[in-house]
C-alpha atoms as a PDB file:
ATOM      1  CA  MET A   1       0.000   0.000   0.000  1.00  0.00           C
ATOM      2  CA  THR A   2       1.292   3.412  -0.923  1.00  0.00           C
ATOM      3  CA  ILE A   3       1.383   6.113   1.749  1.00  0.00           C
ATOM      4  CA  THR A   4       1.531   9.643   0.363  1.00  0.00           C
ATOM      5  CA  ALA A   5       3.858  12.306   1.744  1.00  0.00           C
ATOM      6  CA  ASN A   6       0.883  14.162   3.240  1.00  0.00           C
ATOM      7  CA  GLU A   7      -0.414  10.973   4.860  1.00  0.00           C
ATOM      8  CA  SER A   8       3.018  10.315   6.368  1.00  0.00           C
ATOM      9  CA  ILE A   9       3.147  13.812   7.832  1.00  0.00           C
ATOM     10  CA  VAL A  10      -0.296  13.523   9.398  1.00  0.00           C
ATOM     11  CA  MET A  11       0.353  10.003  10.680  1.00  0.00           C
ATOM     12  CA  ASN A  12       3.526  11.159  12.402  1.00  0.00           C
ATOM     13  CA  ARG A  13       1.691  14.060  14.042  1.00  0.00           C
ATOM     14  CA  ILE A  14      -1.025  11.670  15.238  1.00  0.00           C
ATOM     15  CA  ALA A  15       1.547   9.147  16.498  1.00  0.00           C
ATOM     16  CA  ARG A  16       3.454  11.770  18.496  1.00  0.00           C
ATOM     17  CA  HIS A  17       0.442  13.753  19.750  1.00  0.00           C
ATOM     18  CA  GLU A  18       0.817  14.843  23.370  1.00  0.00           C
ATOM     19  CA  MET A  19      -2.634  13.527  24.298  1.00  0.00           C
ATOM     20  CA  ASN A  20      -1.781   9.914  23.425  1.00  0.00           C
ATOM     21  CA  PRO A  21      -1.404   7.498  26.344  1.00  0.00           C
ATOM     22  CA  ASN A  22       2.394   7.808  26.057  1.00  0.00           C
ATOM     23  CA  ASN A  23       2.290  11.636  26.218  1.00  0.00           C
ATOM     24  CA  GLY A  24       3.885  12.295  22.842  1.00  0.00           C
ATOM     25  CA  GLU A  25       6.702   9.779  23.145  1.00  0.00           C
ATOM     26  CA  VAL A  26       7.454   7.355  20.321  1.00  0.00           C
ATOM     27  CA  PRO A  27       4.657   4.747  20.323  1.00  0.00           C
ATOM     28  CA  GLU A  28       5.596   1.096  20.650  1.00  0.00           C
ATOM     29  CA  SER A  29       2.302  -0.373  19.425  1.00  0.00           C
ATOM     30  CA  HIS A  30      -1.003   0.719  17.923  1.00  0.00           C
ATOM     31  CA  ARG A  31      -2.429   0.789  21.455  1.00  0.00           C
ATOM     32  CA  ASP A  32      -0.182   3.779  22.203  1.00  0.00           C
ATOM     33  CA  VAL A  33      -1.935   5.858  19.510  1.00  0.00           C
ATOM     34  CA  LEU A  34      -5.352   7.059  20.656  1.00  0.00           C
ATOM     35  CA  THR A  35      -5.889  10.788  20.838  1.00  0.00           C
ATOM     36  CA  TYR A  36      -8.435  13.503  20.275  1.00  0.00           C
ATOM     37  CA  CYS A  37      -9.148  14.216  16.626  1.00  0.00           C
ATOM     38  CA  TRP A  38      -8.043  17.838  16.696  1.00  0.00           C
ATOM     39  CA  VAL A  39      -7.185  18.413  13.043  1.00  0.00           C
ATOM     40  CA  GLU A  40      -5.440  21.719  13.710  1.00  0.00           C
ATOM     41  CA  ASP A  41      -2.821  19.776  15.712  1.00  0.00           C
ATOM     42  CA  PHE A  42      -2.092  17.386  12.863  1.00  0.00           C
ATOM     43  CA  HIS A  43      -0.771  20.118  10.579  1.00  0.00           C
ATOM     44  CA  PRO A  44      -0.811  23.702  11.843  1.00  0.00           C
ATOM     45  CA  THR A  45      -0.462  25.441   8.472  1.00  0.00           C
ATOM     46  CA  TRP A  46      -2.851  23.409   6.322  1.00  0.00           C
ATOM     47  CA  PRO A  47      -6.539  24.285   6.144  1.00  0.00           C
ATOM     48  CA  ALA A  48      -8.728  22.005   8.266  1.00  0.00           C
ATOM     49  CA  ALA A  49     -10.413  20.677   5.120  1.00  0.00           C
ATOM     50  CA  GLN A  50      -7.076  19.447   3.776  1.00  0.00           C
ATOM     51  CA  VAL A  51      -6.210  17.646   7.018  1.00  0.00           C
ATOM     52  CA  LYS A  52      -9.698  16.115   7.124  1.00  0.00           C
ATOM     53  CA  GLY A  53      -9.195  14.898   3.556  1.00  0.00           C
ATOM     54  CA  VAL A  54      -5.932  13.208   4.501  1.00  0.00           C
ATOM     55  CA  ILE A  55      -7.585  11.616   7.551  1.00  0.00           C
ATOM     56  CA  GLY A  56     -10.430  10.406   5.322  1.00  0.00           C
ATOM     57  CA  SER A  57      -7.907   8.831   2.971  1.00  0.00           C
ATOM     58  CA  LEU A  58      -6.119   7.126   5.876  1.00  0.00           C
ATOM     59  CA  SER A  59      -9.466   5.852   7.130  1.00  0.00           C
ATOM     60  CA  LYS A  60     -10.416   4.437   3.711  1.00  0.00           C
ATOM     61  CA  LYS A  61      -7.069   2.631   3.620  1.00  0.00           C
ATOM     62  CA  GLY A  62      -7.830   1.083   7.017  1.00  0.00           C
ATOM     63  CA  LEU A  63      -4.918   2.806   8.744  1.00  0.00           C
ATOM     64  CA  VAL A  64      -6.846   4.922  11.269  1.00  0.00           C
ATOM     65  CA  LEU A  65     -10.184   4.795  13.025  1.00  0.00           C
ATOM     66  CA  VAL A  66     -12.115   7.956  13.820  1.00  0.00           C
ATOM     67  CA  CYS A  67     -14.675   7.471  16.580  1.00  0.00           C
ATOM     68  CA  ASP A  68     -17.466   9.873  17.460  1.00  0.00           C
ATOM     69  CA  GLY A  69     -17.417  10.791  21.123  1.00  0.00           C
ATOM     70  CA  GLU A  70     -20.006  12.542  23.245  1.00  0.00           C
ATOM     71  CA  GLU A  71     -17.818  15.633  23.564  1.00  0.00           C
ATOM     72  CA  GLU A  72     -14.793  15.031  21.329  1.00  0.00           C
ATOM     73  CA  ASN A  73     -13.995  12.696  18.448  1.00  0.00           C
ATOM     74  CA  THR A  74     -10.965  10.444  18.785  1.00  0.00           C
ATOM     75  CA  ILE A  75      -8.542   8.988  16.284  1.00  0.00           C
ATOM     76  CA  GLU A  76      -6.414   5.909  16.637  1.00  0.00           C
ATOM     77  CA  PHE A  77      -4.122   3.744  14.552  1.00  0.00           C
ATOM     78  CA  THR A  78      -5.237   0.325  13.462  1.00  0.00           C
ATOM     79  CA  PRO A  79      -2.573  -2.401  13.708  1.00  0.00           C
ATOM     80  CA  ALA A  80      -1.974  -1.923   9.955  1.00  0.00           C
ATOM     81  CA  GLY A  81      -1.736   1.824  10.487  1.00  0.00           C
ATOM     82  CA  PHE A  82       0.878   1.390  13.181  1.00  0.00           C
ATOM     83  CA  ASP A  83       2.901  -0.920  10.937  1.00  0.00           C
ATOM     84  CA  ALA A  84       2.702   1.588   8.059  1.00  0.00           C
ATOM     85  CA  TRP A  85       3.743   4.421  10.358  1.00  0.00           C
ATOM     86  CA  ALA A  86       6.589   2.387  11.900  1.00  0.00           C
ATOM     87  CA  ALA A  87       7.917   1.478   8.442  1.00  0.00           C
ATOM     88  CA  ASN A  88       8.211   5.179   7.592  1.00  0.00           C
ATOM     89  CA  TRP A  89       8.912   6.872  10.927  1.00  0.00           C
ATOM     90  CA  GLY A  90       9.380   4.315  13.697  1.00  0.00           C
END
């Protein structure tokens, strides 16, 4: 599966987000990547619509899951998403 440059950037920002269980440290498994889906944190200079498009693409590829929460949405890596991220950034 091909991961685009934009997808790699967003995946790395998700993986190292400070609200993950490991507080922004390098994740060791997909279970370490579960954070709020705050798109402005995943690329501070891109428009929100662009980041959402990248997240949608990652979701269609089965690399992330976006879950609706009562107050905030969350995003997490699937096992395949973690493996794809680790192959590029880990």
